[in-house]
Amino acid sequence: SLRDDFGQWDPRRQRPELWDLYNARVRPGEHLRAFPI
């Protein structure tokens, strides 16, 4: 789950995760929340 540089979550900015392929890239100031379970 991508979080912006204010730490906020926007459900409209979610990335596709087809075939269990994950995009872990972030821009400066952004971060990820990862939910393995």
All heavy atoms as atom14 arrays in JSON, in Angstrom:
{
  "sequence": "SLRDDFGQWDPRRQRPELWDLYNARVRPGEHLRAFPI",
  "atom14_mask": [
    [1, 1, 1, 1, 1, 1, 0, 0, 0, 0, 0, 0, 0, 0],
    [1, 1, 1, 1, 1, 1, 1, 1, 0, 0, 0, 0, 0, 0],
    [1, 1, 1, 1, 1, 1, 1, 1, 1, 1, 1, 0, 0, 0],
    [1, 1, 1, 1, 1, 1, 1, 1, 0, 0, 0, 0, 0, 0],
    [1, 1, 1, 1, 1, 1, 1, 1, 0, 0, 0, 0, 0, 0],
    [1, 1, 1, 1, 1, 1, 1, 1, 1, 1, 1, 0, 0, 0],
    [1, 1, 1, 1, 0, 0, 0, 0, 0, 0, 0, 0, 0, 0],
    [1, 1, 1, 1, 1, 1, 1, 1, 1, 0, 0, 0, 0, 0],
    [1, 1, 1, 1, 1, 1, 1, 1, 1, 1, 1, 1, 1, 1],
    [1, 1, 1, 1, 1, 1, 1, 1, 0, 0, 0, 0, 0, 0],
    [1, 1, 1, 1, 1, 1, 1, 0, 0, 0, 0, 0, 0, 0],
    [1, 1, 1, 1, 1, 1, 1, 1, 1, 1, 1, 0, 0, 0],
    [1, 1, 1, 1, 1, 1, 1, 1, 1, 1, 1, 0, 0, 0],
    [1, 1, 1, 1, 1, 1, 1, 1, 1, 0, 0, 0, 0, 0],
    [1, 1, 1, 1, 1, 1, 1, 1, 1, 1, 1, 0, 0, 0],
    [1, 1, 1, 1, 1, 1, 1, 0, 0, 0, 0, 0, 0, 0],
    [1, 1, 1, 1, 1, 1, 1, 1, 1, 0, 0, 0, 0, 0],
    [1, 1, 1, 1, 1, 1, 1, 1, 0, 0, 0, 0, 0, 0],
    [1, 1, 1, 1, 1, 1, 1, 1, 1, 1, 1, 1, 1, 1],
    [1, 1, 1, 1, 1, 1, 1, 1, 0, 0, 0, 0, 0, 0],
    [1, 1, 1, 1, 1, 1, 1, 1, 0, 0, 0, 0, 0, 0],
    [1, 1, 1, 1, 1, 1, 1, 1, 1, 1, 1, 1, 0, 0],
    [1, 1, 1, 1, 1, 1, 1, 1, 0, 0, 0, 0, 0, 0],
    [1, 1, 1, 1, 1, 0, 0, 0, 0, 0, 0, 0, 0, 0],
    [1, 1, 1, 1, 1, 1, 1, 1, 1, 1, 1, 0, 0, 0],
    [1, 1, 1, 1, 1, 1, 1, 0, 0, 0, 0, 0, 0, 0],
    [1, 1, 1, 1, 1, 1, 1, 1, 1, 1, 1, 0, 0, 0],
    [1, 1, 1, 1, 1, 1, 1, 0, 0, 0, 0, 0, 0, 0],
    [1, 1, 1, 1, 0, 0, 0, 0, 0, 0, 0, 0, 0, 0],
    [1, 1, 1, 1, 1, 1, 1, 1, 1, 0, 0, 0, 0, 0],
    [1, 1, 1, 1, 1, 1, 1, 1, 1, 1, 0, 0, 0, 0],
    [1, 1, 1, 1, 1, 1, 1, 1, 0, 0, 0, 0, 0, 0],
    [1, 1, 1, 1, 1, 1, 1, 1, 1, 1, 1, 0, 0, 0],
    [1, 1, 1, 1, 1, 0, 0, 0, 0, 0, 0, 0, 0, 0],
    [1, 1, 1, 1, 1, 1, 1, 1, 1, 1, 1, 0, 0, 0],
    [1, 1, 1, 1, 1, 1, 1, 0, 0, 0, 0, 0, 0, 0],
    [1, 1, 1, 1, 1, 1, 1, 1, 0, 0, 0, 0, 0, 0]
  ],
  "atom14_positions": [
    [[0.84, -1.19, 0.0], [0.0, 0.0, 0.0], [0.88, 1.24, 0.0], [1.66, 1.47, 0.93], [-0.89, -0.02, 1.24], [-1.68, 1.14, 1.32], [0.0, 0.0, 0.0], [0.0, 0.0, 0.0], [0.0, 0.0, 0.0], [0.0, 0.0, 0.0], [0.0, 0.0, 0.0], [0.0, 0.0, 0.0], [0.0, 0.0, 0.0], [0.0, 0.0, 0.0]],
    [[0.77, 2.03, -1.04], [1.58, 3.24, -1.16], [1.02, 4.34, -0.27], [-0.18, 4.6, -0.25], [1.59, 3.71, -2.62], [2.39, 5.0, -2.9], [3.88, 4.75, -2.68], [2.12, 5.47, -4.33], [0.0, 0.0, 0.0], [0.0, 0.0, 0.0], [0.0, 0.0, 0.0], [0.0, 0.0, 0.0], [0.0, 0.0, 0.0], [0.0, 0.0, 0.0]],
    [[1.89, 5.0, 0.48], [1.53, 6.16, 1.28], [2.29, 7.38, 0.75], [3.5, 7.29, 0.48], [1.84, 5.93, 2.76], [1.14, 4.71, 3.36], [-0.37, 4.8, 3.24], [-1.04, 3.57, 3.64], [-1.67, 3.4, 4.79], [-1.69, 4.38, 5.67], [-2.27, 2.26, 5.06], [0.0, 0.0, 0.0], [0.0, 0.0, 0.0], [0.0, 0.0, 0.0]],
    [[1.59, 8.51, 0.63], [2.22, 9.7, 0.05], [3.15, 10.38, 1.05], [3.38, 9.87, 2.16], [1.17, 10.67, -0.5], [0.25, 11.24, 0.59], [0.63, 11.21, 1.78], [-0.84, 11.71, 0.25], [0.0, 0.0, 0.0], [0.0, 0.0, 0.0], [0.0, 0.0, 0.0], [0.0, 0.0, 0.0], [0.0, 0.0, 0.0], [0.0, 0.0, 0.0]],
    [[3.67, 11.54, 0.67], [4.64, 12.2, 1.55], [4.0, 12.82, 2.79], [4.7, 13.36, 3.65], [5.44, 13.27, 0.79], [4.57, 14.19, -0.05], [3.34, 14.03, -0.01], [5.12, 15.06, -0.74], [0.0, 0.0, 0.0], [0.0, 0.0, 0.0], [0.0, 0.0, 0.0], [0.0, 0.0, 0.0], [0.0, 0.0, 0.0], [0.0, 0.0, 0.0]],
    [[2.67, 12.72, 2.92], [1.98, 13.08, 4.16], [1.59, 11.82, 4.95], [0.9, 11.93, 5.97], [0.73, 13.91, 3.86], [1.03, 15.25, 3.26], [0.87, 15.46, 1.91], [1.49, 16.3, 4.04], [1.16, 16.7, 1.34], [1.78, 17.54, 3.48], [1.61, 17.74, 2.13], [0.0, 0.0, 0.0], [0.0, 0.0, 0.0], [0.0, 0.0, 0.0]],
    [[1.99, 10.65, 4.46], [1.66, 9.4, 5.13], [0.25, 8.92, 4.85], [-0.21, 7.97, 5.48], [0.0, 0.0, 0.0], [0.0, 0.0, 0.0], [0.0, 0.0, 0.0], [0.0, 0.0, 0.0], [0.0, 0.0, 0.0], [0.0, 0.0, 0.0], [0.0, 0.0, 0.0], [0.0, 0.0, 0.0], [0.0, 0.0, 0.0], [0.0, 0.0, 0.0]],
    [[-0.44, 9.56, 3.92], [-1.85, 9.25, 3.7], [-2.05, 8.18, 2.63], [-1.22, 8.01, 1.74], [-2.59, 10.53, 3.3], [-2.58, 11.59, 4.4], [-3.22, 12.89, 3.97], [-3.35, 13.17, 2.78], [-3.64, 13.69, 4.94], [0.0, 0.0, 0.0], [0.0, 0.0, 0.0], [0.0, 0.0, 0.0], [0.0, 0.0, 0.0], [0.0, 0.0, 0.0]],
    [[-3.18, 7.49, 2.76], [-3.55, 6.42, 1.82], [-4.67, 6.9, 0.93], [-5.69, 7.4, 1.4], [-4.02, 5.2, 2.63], [-4.57, 4.07, 1.8], [-3.9, 3.33, 0.87], [-5.9, 3.54, 1.85], [-4.73, 2.37, 0.34], [-5.97, 2.47, 0.93], [-7.04, 3.86, 2.59], [-7.12, 1.72, 0.72], [-8.2, 3.12, 2.39], [-8.23, 2.06, 1.47]],
    [[-4.47, 6.76, -0.38], [-5.49, 7.11, -1.36], [-5.88, 5.83, -2.09], [-5.08, 5.3, -2.88], [-4.97, 8.14, -2.35], [-6.03, 8.61, -3.34], [-7.13, 7.99, -3.38], [-5.77, 9.57, -4.07], [0.0, 0.0, 0.0], [0.0, 0.0, 0.0], [0.0, 0.0, 0.0], [0.0, 0.0, 0.0], [0.0, 0.0, 0.0], [0.0, 0.0, 0.0]],
    [[-7.09, 5.28, -1.84], [-7.47, 4.03, -2.49], [-7.46, 4.09, -4.0], [-7.35, 3.06, -4.67], [-8.87, 3.75, -1.94], [-9.36, 5.05, -1.4], [-8.15, 5.8, -0.97], [0.0, 0.0, 0.0], [0.0, 0.0, 0.0], [0.0, 0.0, 0.0], [0.0, 0.0, 0.0], [0.0, 0.0, 0.0], [0.0, 0.0, 0.0], [0.0, 0.0, 0.0]],
    [[-7.54, 5.32, -4.59], [-7.54, 5.45, -6.04], [-6.15, 5.34, -6.64], [-6.01, 5.21, -7.86], [-8.16, 6.8, -6.43], [-9.64, 6.94, -6.05], [-10.12, 8.36, -6.21], [-9.39, 9.27, -5.33], [-9.63, 10.57, -5.25], [-10.57, 11.13, -5.99], [-8.92, 11.33, -4.43], [0.0, 0.0, 0.0], [0.0, 0.0, 0.0], [0.0, 0.0, 0.0]],
    [[-5.12, 5.37, -5.8], [-3.73, 5.29, -6.29], [-3.11, 3.91, -6.07], [-1.9, 3.75, -6.18], [-2.86, 6.33, -5.59], [-3.18, 7.78, -5.94], [-2.16, 8.69, -5.3], [-0.82, 8.45, -5.83], [0.31, 8.67, -5.15], [0.26, 9.12, -3.91], [1.49, 8.44, -5.69], [0.0, 0.0, 0.0], [0.0, 0.0, 0.0], [0.0, 0.0, 0.0]],
    [[-3.92, 2.93, -5.81], [-3.37, 1.6, -5.56], [-2.83, 0.98, -6.85], [-3.38, 1.2, -7.93], [-4.45, 0.69, -4.95], [-4.89, 1.16, -3.59], [-5.63, 0.09, -2.84], [-5.05, -0.74, -2.17], [-6.95, 0.09, -2.98], [0.0, 0.0, 0.0], [0.0, 0.0, 0.0], [0.0, 0.0, 0.0], [0.0, 0.0, 0.0], [0.0, 0.0, 0.0]],
    [[-1.79, 0.2, -6.68], [-1.12, -0.4, -7.82], [-1.63, -1.82, -8.07], [-1.95, -2.54, -7.12], [0.38, -0.45, -7.56], [1.02, 0.93, -7.42], [2.37, 0.84, -6.75], [3.07, 2.11, -6.8], [4.23, 2.33, -6.19], [4.79, 1.39, -5.45], [4.83, 3.51, -6.3], [0.0, 0.0, 0.0], [0.0, 0.0, 0.0], [0.0, 0.0, 0.0]],
    [[-1.7, -2.25, -9.33], [-2.12, -3.63, -9.61], [-1.1, -4.63, -9.07], [0.11, -4.33, -9.03], [-2.2, -3.67, -11.14], [-1.3, -2.57, -11.6], [-1.38, -1.51, -10.56], [0.0, 0.0, 0.0], [0.0, 0.0, 0.0], [0.0, 0.0, 0.0], [0.0, 0.0, 0.0], [0.0, 0.0, 0.0], [0.0, 0.0, 0.0], [0.0, 0.0, 0.0]],
    [[-1.58, -5.79, -8.66], [-0.69, -6.84, -8.13], [-1.03, -8.17, -8.8], [-1.25, -9.19, -8.15], [-0.82, -6.93, -6.61], [-0.31, -5.68, -5.92], [-0.46, -5.7, -4.41], [-1.25, -6.52, -3.88], [0.2, -4.9, -3.73], [0.0, 0.0, 0.0], [0.0, 0.0, 0.0], [0.0, 0.0, 0.0], [0.0, 0.0, 0.0], [0.0, 0.0, 0.0]],
    [[-1.05, -8.17, -10.12], [-1.36, -9.37, -10.88], [-0.24, -10.39, -10.74], [0.95, -10.04, -10.75], [-1.58, -9.02, -12.36], [-2.66, -7.95, -12.64], [-2.69, -7.62, -14.11], [-4.01, -8.44, -12.16], [0.0, 0.0, 0.0], [0.0, 0.0, 0.0], [0.0, 0.0, 0.0], [0.0, 0.0, 0.0], [0.0, 0.0, 0.0], [0.0, 0.0, 0.0]],
    [[-0.62, -11.66, -10.64], [0.32, -12.78, -10.57], [1.33, -12.62, -9.42], [2.48, -13.03, -9.52], [1.07, -12.94, -11.9], [0.15, -13.07, -13.06], [-0.7, -14.11, -13.32], [-0.06, -12.12, -14.12], [-1.41, -13.86, -14.48], [-1.04, -12.65, -14.98], [0.5, -10.87, -14.4], [-1.49, -11.96, -16.11], [0.06, -10.19, -15.53], [-0.92, -10.74, -16.37]],
    [[0.9, -11.97, -8.35], [1.76, -11.78, -7.17], [3.04, -11.02, -7.5], [4.1, -11.28, -6.89], [2.09, -13.13, -6.52], [0.87, -13.81, -5.95], [-0.1, -13.1, -5.61], [0.86, -15.06, -5.85], [0.0, 0.0, 0.0], [0.0, 0.0, 0.0], [0.0, 0.0, 0.0], [0.0, 0.0, 0.0], [0.0, 0.0, 0.0], [0.0, 0.0, 0.0]],
    [[2.96, -10.11, -8.46], [4.08, -9.24, -8.76], [3.86, -7.91, -8.05], [2.81, -7.28, -8.2], [4.19, -9.01, -10.27], [4.49, -10.25, -11.1], [4.46, -9.91, -12.59], [5.84, -10.86, -10.73], [0.0, 0.0, 0.0], [0.0, 0.0, 0.0], [0.0, 0.0, 0.0], [0.0, 0.0, 0.0], [0.0, 0.0, 0.0], [0.0, 0.0, 0.0]],
    [[4.85, -7.48, -7.24], [4.68, -6.33, -6.38], [5.61, -5.2, -6.78], [6.8, -5.41, -7.04], [4.94, -6.73, -4.92], [4.06, -7.84, -4.45], [4.58, -9.12, -4.21], [2.69, -7.65, -4.28], [3.76, -10.15, -3.79], [1.87, -8.68, -3.86], [2.41, -9.93, -3.62], [1.58, -10.95, -3.22], [0.0, 0.0, 0.0], [0.0, 0.0, 0.0]],
    [[5.07, -4.0, -6.82], [5.83, -2.8, -7.13], [6.18, -2.1, -5.83], [5.31, -1.48, -5.2], [5.01, -1.89, -8.05], [5.76, -0.64, -8.46], [6.86, -0.36, -7.98], [5.16, 0.15, -9.34], [0.0, 0.0, 0.0], [0.0, 0.0, 0.0], [0.0, 0.0, 0.0], [0.0, 0.0, 0.0], [0.0, 0.0, 0.0], [0.0, 0.0, 0.0]],
    [[7.43, -2.17, -5.43], [7.86, -1.59, -4.14], [8.59, -0.27, -4.31], [9.22, 0.21, -3.37], [8.75, -2.59, -3.4], [0.0, 0.0, 0.0], [0.0, 0.0, 0.0], [0.0, 0.0, 0.0], [0.0, 0.0, 0.0], [0.0, 0.0, 0.0], [0.0, 0.0, 0.0], [0.0, 0.0, 0.0], [0.0, 0.0, 0.0], [0.0, 0.0, 0.0]],
    [[8.48, 0.34, -5.48], [9.17, 1.61, -5.7], [8.42, 2.76, -5.03], [7.18, 2.78, -5.03], [9.31, 1.88, -7.19], [10.31, 0.96, -7.89], [10.34, 1.23, -9.38], [9.05, 0.88, -10.0], [8.79, 1.04, -11.3], [9.7, 1.56, -12.09], [7.61, 0.7, -11.78], [0.0, 0.0, 0.0], [0.0, 0.0, 0.0], [0.0, 0.0, 0.0]],
    [[9.16, 3.7, -4.5], [8.56, 4.9, -3.91], [9.36, 6.11, -4.34], [10.56, 6.02, -4.63], [8.53, 4.83, -2.36], [7.65, 3.7, -1.88], [9.94, 4.69, -1.78], [0.0, 0.0, 0.0], [0.0, 0.0, 0.0], [0.0, 0.0, 0.0], [0.0, 0.0, 0.0], [0.0, 0.0, 0.0], [0.0, 0.0, 0.0], [0.0, 0.0, 0.0]],
    [[8.68, 7.26, -4.36], [9.35, 8.53, -4.64], [9.87, 9.11, -3.33], [9.43, 8.69, -2.25], [8.37, 9.5, -5.3], [7.86, 9.05, -6.66], [7.05, 10.16, -7.3], [6.57, 9.77, -8.61], [5.3, 9.68, -8.96], [4.36, 9.96, -8.06], [4.94, 9.34, -10.18], [0.0, 0.0, 0.0], [0.0, 0.0, 0.0], [0.0, 0.0, 0.0]],
    [[10.76, 10.09, -3.4], [11.23, 10.73, -2.16], [10.07, 11.24, -1.31], [9.15, 11.91, -1.82], [12.09, 11.89, -2.68], [12.58, 11.41, -4.01], [11.45, 10.62, -4.59], [0.0, 0.0, 0.0], [0.0, 0.0, 0.0], [0.0, 0.0, 0.0], [0.0, 0.0, 0.0], [0.0, 0.0, 0.0], [0.0, 0.0, 0.0], [0.0, 0.0, 0.0]],
    [[10.07, 10.89, -0.03], [9.02, 11.3, 0.89], [7.92, 10.28, 1.04], [7.22, 10.26, 2.06], [0.0, 0.0, 0.0], [0.0, 0.0, 0.0], [0.0, 0.0, 0.0], [0.0, 0.0, 0.0], [0.0, 0.0, 0.0], [0.0, 0.0, 0.0], [0.0, 0.0, 0.0], [0.0, 0.0, 0.0], [0.0, 0.0, 0.0], [0.0, 0.0, 0.0]],
    [[7.71, 9.42, 0.04], [6.68, 8.39, 0.13], [7.22, 7.17, 0.89], [8.42, 7.02, 1.09], [6.24, 7.94, -1.27], [5.59, 9.02, -2.1], [5.26, 8.52, -3.5], [5.91, 7.54, -3.95], [4.36, 9.11, -4.13], [0.0, 0.0, 0.0], [0.0, 0.0, 0.0], [0.0, 0.0, 0.0], [0.0, 0.0, 0.0], [0.0, 0.0, 0.0]],
    [[6.31, 6.3, 1.32], [6.73, 5.03, 1.89], [5.65, 4.0, 1.63], [4.55, 4.32, 1.18], [7.04, 5.14, 3.38], [5.86, 5.36, 4.26], [5.33, 6.62, 4.5], [5.08, 4.5, 4.98], [4.3, 6.52, 5.31], [4.11, 5.25, 5.62], [0.0, 0.0, 0.0], [0.0, 0.0, 0.0], [0.0, 0.0, 0.0], [0.0, 0.0, 0.0]],
    [[5.97, 2.75, 1.91], [5.04, 1.65, 1.71], [4.56, 1.1, 3.04], [5.29, 1.11, 4.03], [5.72, 0.5, 0.95], [6.13, 0.72, -0.5], [6.89, -0.51, -0.99], [4.92, 0.98, -1.38], [0.0, 0.0, 0.0], [0.0, 0.0, 0.0], [0.0, 0.0, 0.0], [0.0, 0.0, 0.0], [0.0, 0.0, 0.0], [0.0, 0.0, 0.0]],
    [[3.34, 0.62, 3.05], [2.87, -0.26, 4.12], [2.7, -1.64, 3.46], [1.98, -1.76, 2.45], [1.54, 0.2, 4.69], [1.54, 1.64, 5.2], [2.26, 1.81, 6.52], [2.36, 3.22, 6.86], [1.42, 3.9, 7.52], [0.29, 3.28, 7.89], [1.58, 5.18, 7.8], [0.0, 0.0, 0.0], [0.0, 0.0, 0.0], [0.0, 0.0, 0.0]],
    [[3.35, -2.62, 3.96], [3.3, -3.97, 3.4], [2.55, -4.9, 4.34], [2.84, -4.93, 5.55], [4.73, -4.49, 3.16], [0.0, 0.0, 0.0], [0.0, 0.0, 0.0], [0.0, 0.0, 0.0], [0.0, 0.0, 0.0], [0.0, 0.0, 0.0], [0.0, 0.0, 0.0], [0.0, 0.0, 0.0], [0.0, 0.0, 0.0], [0.0, 0.0, 0.0]],
    [[1.59, -5.65, 3.8], [0.74, -6.52, 4.62], [0.87, -7.97, 4.16], [0.06, -8.47, 3.37], [-0.71, -6.04, 4.53], [-0.89, -4.6, 4.93], [-1.23, -3.64, 3.99], [-0.69, -4.2, 6.23], [-1.38, -2.31, 4.34], [-0.84, -2.88, 6.61], [-1.19, -1.93, 5.67], [0.0, 0.0, 0.0], [0.0, 0.0, 0.0], [0.0, 0.0, 0.0]],
    [[1.9, -8.67, 4.65], [2.18, -10.03, 4.17], [1.08, -11.05, 4.46], [0.99, -12.07, 3.78], [3.48, -10.4, 4.9], [4.11, -9.09, 5.27], [2.95, -8.19, 5.56], [0.0, 0.0, 0.0], [0.0, 0.0, 0.0], [0.0, 0.0, 0.0], [0.0, 0.0, 0.0], [0.0, 0.0, 0.0], [0.0, 0.0, 0.0], [0.0, 0.0, 0.0]],
    [[0.26, -10.81, 5.5], [-0.78, -11.8, 5.83], [-2.16, -11.27, 5.45], [-3.16, -11.65, 6.06], [-0.72, -12.23, 7.32], [-0.95, -11.03, 8.26], [0.61, -12.89, 7.64], [-1.1, -11.46, 9.73], [0.0, 0.0, 0.0], [0.0, 0.0, 0.0], [0.0, 0.0, 0.0], [0.0, 0.0, 0.0], [0.0, 0.0, 0.0], [0.0, 0.0, 0.0]]
  ]
}
